[in-house]
Structure formats: structure tokens, C-alpha cells
Amino acid sequence: MTIAIQRHPNPPAPPTKDFGFGQIFTPHIFKLDYREGSWRSPRIEPYGPITLDPSCKVFHYGQEIFEGMKAYKNPRDGSVHMFRPDKNIRRFNVSCGRMCMPPVDEALFLEALELLIDLDRAWVPVSPEALYIRPTMIATQRGLGVKASTEYQFFIIVGPVGSYFARGIS
């Protein structure tokens, strides 16, 4: 699958300090939809709210998973590296199986991570800070009834972070 990219038309400048943890996000998000038994429409688009029907299964039955990852800037050459993305991707897909959710193709998952991070490369802070990566999948099928959803959205958001323990959890 080809990942479509829609660049933010007027992205904000990346912050230079006081990142906190999980409060600041880059101008782009990766999204992938699951319908009719297959994944479709892989895309990077401007970061913004997600609109969902109030009866979506994620709200009523808690069918949602997430993973946490980080990327770091190499101080010698400025290159950006993720820490063990293959392990996080596998763990995410194990969680999919446990939650009766469809796994995400590992190659597509990694490509999405690489493209998203490269697109927002200016947001990767200097070590010891990092770029936090939050892949998430939610059940988006409308309707009540206790059974696994047949529709999902997988998305990845990223943002610069300071130390998780520096000032406590906010």
C-alpha cells in the first residue's frame, strides 16, 4: 500500500524547551482504516481532532490498544533513530490478537513510523529529550452489542518529550 501524504499547510514551529510529557504534538498524524475485512487508506495528514459516532465500540466496550515508543537524535550527525521499533510493532500486534483486533502489517507500520518521523524531523529534540511515539488502535464500528468491532482506526501521533520522571507525571 502506498502512504498518501498531505502536508500541514501552515505547521507551527517546533518548541525548543519545556516539553513536559505528552502535551505537545507534531503537525502530522498517520491514519489507517479497517473496513470490510481489510486495511485501507494509509495516509499522513495534518494533526487534528478525530470525529467518532457516540455509539462506537471503543466508548462502550473499551476495545482500544496503544504502544509507547521513542526516537532519539544522534548528537554526532543529527540522524534520528527509533529504539527497537520491531519489538514494539510485534508487541502491538500481540495486543491486537488478545483484543480480537486485526494486526497491522509490520512493514507498513514501520514505513509509517519512518515517514511520519522524517516529515516532522525538526521536532526531534536534542538528547536527553526524545520524540515520543504513540501508535493506537480504536474500535470505530457504530452500535451497541457485546462483540468485537468490525471497523477500526489505527493512528500514530508523535511529540517531543522531556524526562517522564523529571517533574512528575502531569
Protein backbone atom coordinates (compact mmCIF):
# COMPACT_ATOMS: atom_id res chain seq x y z
CA MET A 1 0.00 0.00 0.00
CA THR A 2 1.17 3.49 -0.78
CA ILE A 3 1.00 6.00 2.04
CA ALA A 4 -0.59 9.27 0.89
CA ILE A 5 0.95 12.39 2.42
CA GLN A 6 -0.93 15.64 2.96
CA ARG A 7 1.42 18.18 4.49
CA HIS A 8 0.19 20.62 7.09
CA PRO A 9 -0.36 23.89 5.16
CA ASN A 10 0.99 26.10 7.95
CA PRO A 11 2.86 23.99 10.50
CA PRO A 12 3.83 25.62 13.77
CA ALA A 13 7.50 25.93 14.67
CA PRO A 14 8.74 23.20 16.98
CA PRO A 15 9.18 24.20 20.62
CA THR A 16 12.73 24.42 21.95
CA LYS A 17 12.19 23.72 25.65
CA ASP A 18 9.70 22.76 28.37
CA PHE A 19 8.23 19.80 26.53
CA GLY A 20 6.72 18.10 29.55
CA PHE A 21 5.43 14.64 28.71
CA GLY A 22 2.66 14.00 26.21
CA GLN A 23 1.34 17.56 25.95
CA ILE A 24 2.88 18.76 22.67
CA PHE A 25 2.36 17.04 19.31
CA THR A 26 3.87 17.43 15.86
CA PRO A 27 1.81 18.84 12.98
CA HIS A 28 1.12 15.41 11.40
CA ILE A 29 -0.68 12.16 12.20
CA PHE A 30 -0.67 8.79 10.45
CA LYS A 31 -4.06 7.10 9.95
CA LEU A 32 -5.15 3.71 8.60
CA ASP A 33 -8.74 2.42 8.44
CA TYR A 34 -10.03 -1.17 8.68
CA ARG A 35 -13.34 -1.92 6.96
CA GLU A 36 -14.88 -4.89 5.19
CA GLY A 37 -12.08 -7.18 6.34
CA SER A 38 -9.04 -5.21 5.19
CA TRP A 39 -6.85 -2.24 5.95
CA ARG A 40 -7.21 0.73 3.59
CA SER A 41 -6.35 4.38 3.00
CA PRO A 42 -2.93 4.70 4.68
CA ARG A 43 -2.22 8.39 5.00
CA ILE A 44 -0.34 11.11 6.79
CA GLU A 45 -2.39 14.24 7.28
CA PRO A 46 -2.40 17.36 9.45
CA TYR A 47 -2.85 16.58 13.16
CA GLY A 48 -6.33 17.34 14.41
CA PRO A 49 -9.39 16.02 16.22
CA ILE A 50 -10.88 12.64 15.31
CA THR A 51 -14.67 12.60 14.89
CA LEU A 52 -16.44 9.46 16.11
CA ASP A 53 -20.04 8.36 16.48
CA PRO A 54 -21.13 8.27 20.15
CA SER A 55 -22.08 4.59 19.78
CA CYS A 56 -18.60 3.45 18.64
CA LYS A 57 -17.46 0.30 20.41
CA VAL A 58 -14.33 2.00 21.75
CA PHE A 59 -16.58 4.05 24.06
CA HIS A 60 -18.86 1.26 25.27
CA TYR A 61 -16.63 -1.81 25.34
CA GLY A 62 -13.13 -0.34 25.65
CA GLN A 63 -11.76 -2.02 22.55
CA GLU A 64 -8.54 0.02 22.21
CA ILE A 65 -4.82 -0.62 22.39
CA PHE A 66 -1.69 1.52 22.30
CA GLU A 67 2.06 1.21 22.38
CA GLY A 68 4.73 3.67 23.51
CA MET A 69 8.00 4.17 21.67
CA LYS A 70 10.75 6.76 21.39
CA ALA A 71 13.06 8.16 18.73
CA TYR A 72 16.32 9.93 19.53
CA LYS A 73 18.57 12.37 17.70
CA ASN A 74 22.19 11.30 17.30
CA PRO A 75 24.23 14.23 18.65
CA ARG A 76 27.15 13.49 16.29
CA ASP A 77 25.37 13.69 12.95
CA GLY A 78 21.75 14.72 13.68
CA SER A 79 20.31 11.47 12.38
CA VAL A 80 17.19 10.14 14.10
CA HIS A 81 16.86 6.59 15.38
CA MET A 82 13.98 4.67 16.94
CA PHE A 83 14.67 2.30 19.79
CA ARG A 84 13.74 -1.28 18.82
CA PRO A 85 10.69 -0.49 16.64
CA ASP A 86 10.44 -4.12 15.53
CA LYS A 87 9.84 -5.24 19.13
CA ASN A 88 7.17 -2.58 19.68
CA ILE A 89 5.42 -3.46 16.42
CA ARG A 90 5.35 -7.17 17.36
CA ARG A 91 4.07 -6.38 20.86
CA PHE A 92 1.36 -4.15 19.36
CA ASN A 93 0.23 -6.98 17.09
CA VAL A 94 0.20 -9.45 20.00
CA SER A 95 -2.12 -6.99 21.76
CA CYS A 96 -4.29 -6.94 18.62
CA GLY A 97 -4.71 -10.70 18.88
CA ARG A 98 -5.61 -10.52 22.55
CA MET A 99 -8.22 -7.82 21.90
CA CYS A 100 -9.75 -9.53 18.80
CA MET A 101 -8.44 -6.71 16.60
CA PRO A 102 -6.78 -7.11 13.18
CA PRO A 103 -2.97 -6.92 13.18
CA VAL A 104 -1.24 -4.16 11.26
CA ASP A 105 1.20 -5.26 8.55
CA GLU A 106 4.66 -4.91 10.13
CA ALA A 107 6.28 -3.45 7.02
CA LEU A 108 3.52 -0.84 6.61
CA PHE A 109 3.69 0.00 10.33
CA LEU A 110 7.46 0.58 10.13
CA GLU A 111 7.17 2.59 6.90
CA ALA A 112 4.50 4.80 8.52
CA LEU A 113 6.75 5.39 11.53
CA GLU A 114 9.72 6.29 9.35
CA LEU A 115 7.74 8.63 7.08
CA LEU A 116 5.98 10.39 9.94
CA ILE A 117 9.20 10.91 11.90
CA ASP A 118 11.05 12.08 8.80
CA LEU A 119 8.26 14.54 7.93
CA ASP A 120 8.42 16.06 11.43
CA ARG A 121 12.19 15.62 11.88
CA ALA A 122 12.61 19.22 13.09
CA TRP A 123 10.53 18.29 16.16
CA VAL A 124 13.02 15.69 17.43
CA PRO A 125 14.73 17.36 20.38
CA VAL A 126 18.34 17.03 21.43
CA SER A 127 19.18 14.26 23.89
CA PRO A 128 18.36 13.57 26.69
CA GLU A 129 14.89 14.59 25.44
CA ALA A 130 13.26 12.41 22.79
CA LEU A 131 10.40 12.14 20.34
CA TYR A 132 7.61 10.08 21.90
CA ILE A 133 5.65 7.87 19.50
CA ARG A 134 2.13 6.66 20.35
CA PRO A 135 0.66 4.07 17.93
CA THR A 136 -3.01 3.46 18.84
CA MET A 137 -5.92 1.39 17.51
CA ILE A 138 -9.56 2.03 18.37
CA ALA A 139 -12.81 0.23 17.53
CA THR A 140 -14.87 2.57 15.35
CA GLN A 141 -17.89 0.40 14.46
CA ARG A 142 -21.18 2.07 15.41
CA GLY A 143 -23.71 0.25 17.52
CA LEU A 144 -24.20 -1.47 20.82
CA GLY A 145 -23.82 -5.19 21.34
CA VAL A 146 -21.12 -7.15 23.09
CA LYS A 147 -18.88 -8.41 20.29
CA ALA A 148 -15.64 -7.39 18.67
CA SER A 149 -15.85 -4.47 16.28
CA THR A 150 -15.62 -4.97 12.53
CA GLU A 151 -14.18 -1.49 11.93
CA TYR A 152 -11.05 0.11 13.37
CA GLN A 153 -8.79 3.10 13.03
CA PHE A 154 -5.06 2.78 13.61
CA PHE A 155 -3.20 6.04 14.11
CA ILE A 156 0.20 7.28 15.19
CA ILE A 157 0.85 10.58 16.93
CA VAL A 158 4.27 11.88 17.94
CA GLY A 159 5.63 14.72 20.02
CA PRO A 160 8.78 15.93 21.78
CA VAL A 161 9.11 14.93 25.42
CA GLY A 162 11.33 15.62 28.36
CA SER A 163 12.03 13.07 31.02
CA TYR A 164 8.94 11.18 32.17
CA PHE A 165 10.07 11.48 35.78
CA ALA A 166 11.66 14.95 35.77
CA ARG A 167 8.68 16.83 37.26
CA GLY A 168 6.30 14.04 38.00
CA ILE A 169 3.52 12.85 35.78
CA SER A 170 1.19 15.56 34.52
